[in-house]
């Protein structure tokens, strides 16, 4: 299995965690879409396992920092 791009994976994880922290502010369909995308991206059917796998991949790549998620300054 190919790992997804770390920048895209970081955005998925961040958005999922943000929306699930305040579920009343987010449509259920968006949370479900993010959960599905995380599961497909990591090759699992469990959202908790998908998040754990995504975090592990980001840590292994050494890109789990705010600087990596932000665009490079020109």
PDB file of N, CA and C in Angstrom:
ATOM      1  N   UNK A   1       0.845  -1.180   0.000  1.00  0.00           N
ATOM      2  CA  UNK A   1       0.000   0.000   0.000  1.00  0.00           C
ATOM      3  C   UNK A   1       0.889   1.240   0.000  1.00  0.00           C
ATOM      4  N   UNK A   2       0.532   2.206  -0.817  1.00  0.00           N
ATOM      5  CA  UNK A   2       1.250   3.469  -0.853  1.00  0.00           C
ATOM      6  C   UNK A   2       0.704   4.399   0.216  1.00  0.00           C
ATOM      7  N   UNK A   3       1.599   5.066   0.912  1.00  0.00           N
ATOM      8  CA  UNK A   3       1.165   6.039   1.909  1.00  0.00           C
ATOM      9  C   UNK A   3       0.703   7.302   1.198  1.00  0.00           C
ATOM     10  N   UNK A   4      -0.362   7.926   1.688  1.00  0.00           N
ATOM     11  CA  UNK A   4      -0.798   9.188   1.099  1.00  0.00           C
ATOM     12  C   UNK A   4       0.214  10.293   1.381  1.00  0.00           C
ATOM     13  N   UNK A   5       0.134  11.341   0.611  1.00  0.00           N
ATOM     14  CA  UNK A   5       1.013  12.492   0.811  1.00  0.00           C
ATOM     15  C   UNK A   5       0.860  12.988   2.243  1.00  0.00           C
ATOM     16  N   UNK A   6       1.958  13.218   2.958  1.00  0.00           N
ATOM     17  CA  UNK A   6       1.877  13.643   4.358  1.00  0.00           C
ATOM     18  C   UNK A   6       1.097  14.939   4.574  1.00  0.00           C
ATOM     19  N   UNK A   7       1.188  15.862   3.629  1.00  0.00           N
ATOM     20  CA  UNK A   7       0.460  17.126   3.770  1.00  0.00           C
ATOM     21  C   UNK A   7      -1.043  16.892   3.708  1.00  0.00           C
ATOM     22  N   UNK A   8      -1.459  16.054   2.789  1.00  0.00           N
ATOM     23  CA  UNK A   8      -2.890  15.732   2.657  1.00  0.00           C
ATOM     24  C   UNK A   8      -3.360  14.952   3.876  1.00  0.00           C
ATOM     25  N   UNK A   9      -2.558  14.009   4.307  1.00  0.00           N
ATOM     26  CA  UNK A   9      -2.913  13.208   5.477  1.00  0.00           C
ATOM     27  C   UNK A   9      -3.041  14.085   6.718  1.00  0.00           C
ATOM     28  N   UNK A  10      -2.126  15.034   6.904  1.00  0.00           N
ATOM     29  CA  UNK A  10      -2.174  15.952   8.043  1.00  0.00           C
ATOM     30  C   UNK A  10      -3.463  16.767   8.009  1.00  0.00           C
ATOM     31  N   UNK A  11      -3.855  17.250   6.835  1.00  0.00           N
ATOM     32  CA  UNK A  11      -5.105  18.026   6.711  1.00  0.00           C
ATOM     33  C   UNK A  11      -6.315  17.180   7.072  1.00  0.00           C
ATOM     34  N   UNK A  12      -6.334  15.934   6.616  1.00  0.00           N
ATOM     35  CA  UNK A  12      -7.444  15.034   6.942  1.00  0.00           C
ATOM     36  C   UNK A  12      -7.555  14.824   8.447  1.00  0.00           C
ATOM     37  N   UNK A  13      -6.436  14.517   9.079  1.00  0.00           N
ATOM     38  CA  UNK A  13      -6.424  14.273  10.524  1.00  0.00           C
ATOM     39  C   UNK A  13      -6.853  15.527  11.275  1.00  0.00           C
ATOM     40  N   UNK A  14      -6.275  16.670  10.911  1.00  0.00           N
ATOM     41  CA  UNK A  14      -6.615  17.923  11.597  1.00  0.00           C
ATOM     42  C   UNK A  14      -8.091  18.276  11.450  1.00  0.00           C
ATOM     43  N   UNK A  15      -8.605  18.171  10.234  1.00  0.00           N
ATOM     44  CA  UNK A  15     -10.007  18.528  10.016  1.00  0.00           C
ATOM     45  C   UNK A  15     -10.938  17.567  10.744  1.00  0.00           C
ATOM     46  N   UNK A  16     -10.630  16.262  10.700  1.00  0.00           N
ATOM     47  CA  UNK A  16     -11.467  15.284  11.394  1.00  0.00           C
ATOM     48  C   UNK A  16     -11.488  15.566  12.891  1.00  0.00           C
ATOM     49  N   UNK A  17     -10.317  15.810  13.479  1.00  0.00           N
ATOM     50  CA  UNK A  17     -10.251  16.075  14.915  1.00  0.00           C
ATOM     51  C   UNK A  17     -10.966  17.372  15.285  1.00  0.00           C
ATOM     52  N   UNK A  18     -10.847  18.389  14.446  1.00  0.00           N
ATOM     53  CA  UNK A  18     -11.517  19.665  14.701  1.00  0.00           C
ATOM     54  C   UNK A  18     -13.033  19.497  14.653  1.00  0.00           C
ATOM     55  N   UNK A  19     -13.521  18.816  13.641  1.00  0.00           N
ATOM     56  CA  UNK A  19     -14.971  18.656  13.493  1.00  0.00           C
ATOM     57  C   UNK A  19     -15.568  17.737  14.548  1.00  0.00           C
ATOM     58  N   UNK A  20     -14.844  16.715  14.946  1.00  0.00           N
ATOM     59  CA  UNK A  20     -15.391  15.816  15.966  1.00  0.00           C
ATOM     60  C   UNK A  20     -15.301  16.420  17.364  1.00  0.00           C
ATOM     61  N   UNK A  21     -14.457  17.427  17.537  1.00  0.00           N
ATOM     62  CA  UNK A  21     -14.385  18.114  18.826  1.00  0.00           C
ATOM     63  C   UNK A  21     -15.618  18.984  19.052  1.00  0.00           C
ATOM     64  N   UNK A  22     -16.208  19.484  17.974  1.00  0.00           N
ATOM     65  CA  UNK A  22     -17.425  20.306  18.048  1.00  0.00           C
ATOM     66  C   UNK A  22     -18.413  19.800  17.001  1.00  0.00           C
ATOM     67  N   UNK A  23     -18.974  18.606  17.211  1.00  0.00           N
ATOM     68  CA  UNK A  23     -19.823  17.996  16.180  1.00  0.00           C
ATOM     69  C   UNK A  23     -21.095  18.777  15.859  1.00  0.00           C
ATOM     70  N   UNK A  24     -21.557  19.604  16.779  1.00  0.00           N
ATOM     71  CA  UNK A  24     -22.769  20.374  16.511  1.00  0.00           C
ATOM     72  C   UNK A  24     -22.534  21.417  15.419  1.00  0.00           C
ATOM     73  N   UNK A  25     -21.292  21.846  15.271  1.00  0.00           N
ATOM     74  CA  UNK A  25     -20.962  22.867  14.280  1.00  0.00           C
ATOM     75  C   UNK A  25     -20.686  22.277  12.898  1.00  0.00           C
ATOM     76  N   UNK A  26     -20.606  20.960  12.800  1.00  0.00           N
ATOM     77  CA  UNK A  26     -20.250  20.324  11.530  1.00  0.00           C
ATOM     78  C   UNK A  26     -21.371  19.411  11.059  1.00  0.00           C
ATOM     79  N   UNK A  27     -21.606  19.387   9.759  1.00  0.00           N
ATOM     80  CA  UNK A  27     -22.591  18.437   9.240  1.00  0.00           C
ATOM     81  C   UNK A  27     -22.082  17.000   9.392  1.00  0.00           C
ATOM     82  N   UNK A  28     -22.981  16.114   9.761  1.00  0.00           N
ATOM     83  CA  UNK A  28     -22.596  14.710   9.943  1.00  0.00           C
ATOM     84  C   UNK A  28     -22.012  14.118   8.676  1.00  0.00           C
ATOM     85  N   UNK A  29     -22.493  14.559   7.537  1.00  0.00           N
ATOM     86  CA  UNK A  29     -22.002  14.011   6.282  1.00  0.00           C
ATOM     87  C   UNK A  29     -20.525  14.344   6.072  1.00  0.00           C
ATOM     88  N   UNK A  30     -20.091  15.518   6.495  1.00  0.00           N
ATOM     89  CA  UNK A  30     -18.675  15.892   6.346  1.00  0.00           C
ATOM     90  C   UNK A  30     -17.797  15.037   7.251  1.00  0.00           C
ATOM     91  N   UNK A  31     -18.254  14.816   8.477  1.00  0.00           N
ATOM     92  CA  UNK A  31     -17.498  13.964   9.398  1.00  0.00           C
ATOM     93  C   UNK A  31     -17.422  12.538   8.842  1.00  0.00           C
ATOM     94  N   UNK A  32     -18.527  12.040   8.312  1.00  0.00           N
ATOM     95  CA  UNK A  32     -18.546  10.698   7.733  1.00  0.00           C
ATOM     96  C   UNK A  32     -17.627  10.611   6.519  1.00  0.00           C
ATOM     97  N   UNK A  33     -17.622  11.649   5.683  1.00  0.00           N
ATOM     98  CA  UNK A  33     -16.733  11.672   4.518  1.00  0.00           C
ATOM     99  C   UNK A  33     -15.267  11.640   4.938  1.00  0.00           C
ATOM    100  N   UNK A  34     -14.925  12.423   5.951  1.00  0.00           N
ATOM    101  CA  UNK A  34     -13.549  12.443   6.442  1.00  0.00           C
ATOM    102  C   UNK A  34     -13.159  11.092   7.039  1.00  0.00           C
ATOM    103  N   UNK A  35     -14.056  10.496   7.800  1.00  0.00           N
ATOM    104  CA  UNK A  35     -13.785   9.190   8.397  1.00  0.00           C
ATOM    105  C   UNK A  35     -13.556   8.144   7.306  1.00  0.00           C
ATOM    106  N   UNK A  36     -14.397   8.165   6.294  1.00  0.00           N
ATOM    107  CA  UNK A  36     -14.257   7.221   5.179  1.00  0.00           C
ATOM    108  C   UNK A  36     -12.918   7.425   4.469  1.00  0.00           C
ATOM    109  N   UNK A  37     -12.569   8.673   4.184  1.00  0.00           N
ATOM    110  CA  UNK A  37     -11.322   8.978   3.483  1.00  0.00           C
ATOM    111  C   UNK A  37     -10.112   8.547   4.306  1.00  0.00           C
ATOM    112  N   UNK A  38     -10.157   8.785   5.613  1.00  0.00           N
ATOM    113  CA  UNK A  38      -9.067   8.332   6.480  1.00  0.00           C
ATOM    114  C   UNK A  38      -8.935   6.812   6.454  1.00  0.00           C
ATOM    115  N   UNK A  39     -10.062   6.128   6.512  1.00  0.00           N
ATOM    116  CA  UNK A  39     -10.035   4.658   6.508  1.00  0.00           C
ATOM    117  C   UNK A  39      -9.472   4.127   5.191  1.00  0.00           C
ATOM    118  N   UNK A  40      -9.915   4.682   4.078  1.00  0.00           N
ATOM    119  CA  UNK A  40      -9.417   4.230   2.776  1.00  0.00           C
ATOM    120  C   UNK A  40      -7.933   4.554   2.634  1.00  0.00           C
ATOM    121  N   UNK A  41      -7.535   5.729   3.085  1.00  0.00           N
ATOM    122  CA  UNK A  41      -6.140   6.160   2.958  1.00  0.00           C
ATOM    123  C   UNK A  41      -5.180   5.290   3.751  1.00  0.00           C
ATOM    124  N   UNK A  42      -5.655   4.736   4.852  1.00  0.00           N
ATOM    125  CA  UNK A  42      -4.777   3.929   5.709  1.00  0.00           C
ATOM    126  C   UNK A  42      -5.037   2.431   5.582  1.00  0.00           C
ATOM    127  N   UNK A  43      -6.034   2.046   4.816  1.00  0.00           N
ATOM    128  CA  UNK A  43      -6.297   0.630   4.584  1.00  0.00           C
ATOM    129  C   UNK A  43      -6.946  -0.084   5.745  1.00  0.00           C
ATOM    130  N   UNK A  44      -7.792   0.601   6.491  1.00  0.00           N
ATOM    131  CA  UNK A  44      -8.480  -0.022   7.614  1.00  0.00           C
ATOM    132  C   UNK A  44      -9.950   0.375   7.588  1.00  0.00           C
ATOM    133  N   UNK A  45     -10.762  -0.330   8.359  1.00  0.00           N
ATOM    134  CA  UNK A  45     -12.195  -0.023   8.427  1.00  0.00           C
ATOM    135  C   UNK A  45     -12.581   0.657   9.729  1.00  0.00           C
ATOM    136  N   UNK A  46     -11.636   0.834  10.613  1.00  0.00           N
ATOM    137  CA  UNK A  46     -11.902   1.420  11.920  1.00  0.00           C
ATOM    138  C   UNK A  46     -11.301   2.826  11.973  1.00  0.00           C
ATOM    139  N   UNK A  47     -12.108   3.823  12.301  1.00  0.00           N
ATOM    140  CA  UNK A  47     -11.649   5.212  12.305  1.00  0.00           C
ATOM    141  C   UNK A  47     -10.547   5.423  13.334  1.00  0.00           C
ATOM    142  N   UNK A  48     -10.696   4.848  14.522  1.00  0.00           N
ATOM    143  CA  UNK A  48      -9.663   4.989  15.544  1.00  0.00           C
ATOM    144  C   UNK A  48      -8.329   4.438  15.084  1.00  0.00           C
ATOM    145  N   UNK A  49      -8.368   3.282  14.465  1.00  0.00           N
ATOM    146  CA  UNK A  49      -7.139   2.680  13.939  1.00  0.00           C
ATOM    147  C   UNK A  49      -6.585   3.514  12.781  1.00  0.00           C
ATOM    148  N   UNK A  50      -7.475   4.069  11.958  1.00  0.00           N
ATOM    149  CA  UNK A  50      -7.037   4.914  10.840  1.00  0.00           C
ATOM    150  C   UNK A  50      -6.313   6.155  11.360  1.00  0.00           C
ATOM    151  N   UNK A  51      -6.859   6.783  12.403  1.00  0.00           N
ATOM    152  CA  UNK A  51      -6.208   7.955  12.987  1.00  0.00           C
ATOM    153  C   UNK A  51      -4.846   7.588  13.584  1.00  0.00           C
ATOM    154  N   UNK A  52      -4.793   6.473  14.286  1.00  0.00           N
ATOM    155  CA  UNK A  52      -3.528   6.032  14.888  1.00  0.00           C
ATOM    156  C   UNK A  52      -2.487   5.738  13.805  1.00  0.00           C
ATOM    157  N   UNK A  53      -2.905   5.088  12.737  1.00  0.00           N
ATOM    158  CA  UNK A  53      -1.998   4.780  11.634  1.00  0.00           C
ATOM    159  C   UNK A  53      -1.513   6.059  10.968  1.00  0.00           C
ATOM    160  N   UNK A  54      -2.435   6.986  10.728  1.00  0.00           N
ATOM    161  CA  UNK A  54      -2.070   8.259  10.092  1.00  0.00           C
ATOM    162  C   UNK A  54      -1.059   9.015  10.952  1.00  0.00           C
ATOM    163  N   UNK A  55      -1.311   9.081  12.247  1.00  0.00           N
ATOM    164  CA  UNK A  55      -0.373   9.775  13.144  1.00  0.00           C
ATOM    165  C   UNK A  55       0.994   9.090  13.146  1.00  0.00           C
ATOM    166  N   UNK A  56       1.001   7.761  13.140  1.00  0.00           N
ATOM    167  CA  UNK A  56       2.265   7.022  13.122  1.00  0.00           C
ATOM    168  C   UNK A  56       3.032   7.296  11.830  1.00  0.00           C
ATOM    169  N   UNK A  57       2.335   7.312  10.713  1.00  0.00           N
ATOM    170  CA  UNK A  57       2.990   7.600   9.436  1.00  0.00           C
ATOM    171  C   UNK A  57       3.563   9.008   9.428  1.00  0.00           C
ATOM    172  N   UNK A  58       2.797   9.955   9.954  1.00  0.00           N
ATOM    173  CA  UNK A  58       3.273  11.337   9.970  1.00  0.00           C
ATOM    174  C   UNK A  58       4.507  11.473  10.856  1.00  0.00           C
ATOM    175  N   UNK A  59       4.513  10.770  11.970  1.00  0.00           N
ATOM    176  CA  UNK A  59       5.662  10.808  12.872  1.00  0.00           C
ATOM    177  C   UNK A  59       6.876  10.134  12.231  1.00  0.00           C
ATOM    178  N   UNK A  60       6.673   9.021  11.553  1.00  0.00           N
ATOM    179  CA  UNK A  60       7.768   8.313  10.892  1.00  0.00           C
ATOM    180  C   UNK A  60       8.395   9.169   9.801  1.00  0.00           C
ATOM    181  N   UNK A  61       7.559   9.919   9.099  1.00  0.00           N
ATOM    182  CA  UNK A  61       8.057  10.770   8.022  1.00  0.00           C
ATOM    183  C   UNK A  61       8.748  12.010   8.560  1.00  0.00           C
ATOM    184  N   UNK A  62       8.586  12.262   9.862  1.00  0.00           N
ATOM    185  CA  UNK A  62       9.197  13.441  10.451  1.00  0.00           C
ATOM    186  C   UNK A  62       8.516  14.726  10.035  1.00  0.00           C
ATOM    187  N   UNK A  63       7.278  14.627   9.590  1.00  0.00           N
ATOM    188  CA  UNK A  63       6.576  15.796   9.081  1.00  0.00           C
ATOM    189  C   UNK A  63       5.391  16.194   9.948  1.00  0.00           C
ATOM    190  N   UNK A  64       5.308  15.662  11.134  1.00  0.00           N
ATOM    191  CA  UNK A  64       4.179  15.961  11.999  1.00  0.00           C
ATOM    192  C   UNK A  64       4.438  17.239  12.793  1.00  0.00           C
ATOM    193  N   UNK A  65       4.655  18.315  12.073  1.00  0.00           N
ATOM    194  CA  UNK A  65       4.869  19.605  12.698  1.00  0.00           C
ATOM    195  C   UNK A  65       4.018  20.646  11.995  1.00  0.00           C
ATOM    196  N   UNK A  66       3.808  21.767  12.637  1.00  0.00           N
ATOM    197  CA  UNK A  66       3.030  22.838  12.024  1.00  0.00           C
ATOM    198  C   UNK A  66       3.757  23.391  10.802  1.00  0.00           C
ATOM    199  N   UNK A  67       5.066  23.391  10.825  1.00  0.00           N
ATOM    200  CA  UNK A  67       5.845  23.910   9.697  1.00  0.00           C
ATOM    201  C   UNK A  67       5.640  23.069   8.447  1.00  0.00           C
ATOM    202  N   UNK A  68       5.480  21.773   8.622  1.00  0.00           N
ATOM    203  CA  UNK A  68       5.283  20.907   7.478  1.00  0.00           C
ATOM    204  C   UNK A  68       3.907  21.097   6.852  1.00  0.00           C
ATOM    205  N   UNK A  69       2.921  21.428   7.666  1.00  0.00           N
ATOM    206  CA  UNK A  69       1.569  21.614   7.158  1.00  0.00           C
ATOM    207  C   UNK A  69       1.395  22.979   6.504  1.00  0.00           C
ATOM    208  N   UNK A  70       2.224  23.938   6.888  1.00  0.00           N
ATOM    209  CA  UNK A  70       2.115  25.283   6.336  1.00  0.00           C
ATOM    210  C   UNK A  70       2.871  25.378   5.014  1.00  0.00           C
ATOM    211  N   UNK A  71       2.381  26.189   4.095  1.00  0.00           N
ATOM    212  CA  UNK A  71       3.102  26.353   2.832  1.00  0.00           C
ATOM    213  C   UNK A  71       4.435  27.064   3.057  1.00  0.00           C
ATOM    214  N   UNK A  72       5.382  26.750   2.232  1.00  0.00           N
ATOM    215  CA  UNK A  72       6.705  27.357   2.365  1.00  0.00           C
ATOM    216  C   UNK A  72       6.654  28.832   2.007  1.00  0.00           C
ATOM    217  N   UNK A  73       7.384  29.628   2.746  1.00  0.00           N
ATOM    218  CA  UNK A  73       7.446  31.061   2.463  1.00  0.00           C
ATOM    219  C   UNK A  73       8.319  31.310   1.249  1.00  0.00           C
ATOM    220  N   UNK A  74       7.895  32.260   0.444  1.00  0.00           N
ATOM    221  CA  UNK A  74       8.643  32.551  -0.795  1.00  0.00           C
ATOM    222  C   UNK A  74       9.547  33.728  -0.578  1.00  0.00           C
TER     223      UNK A  74
END
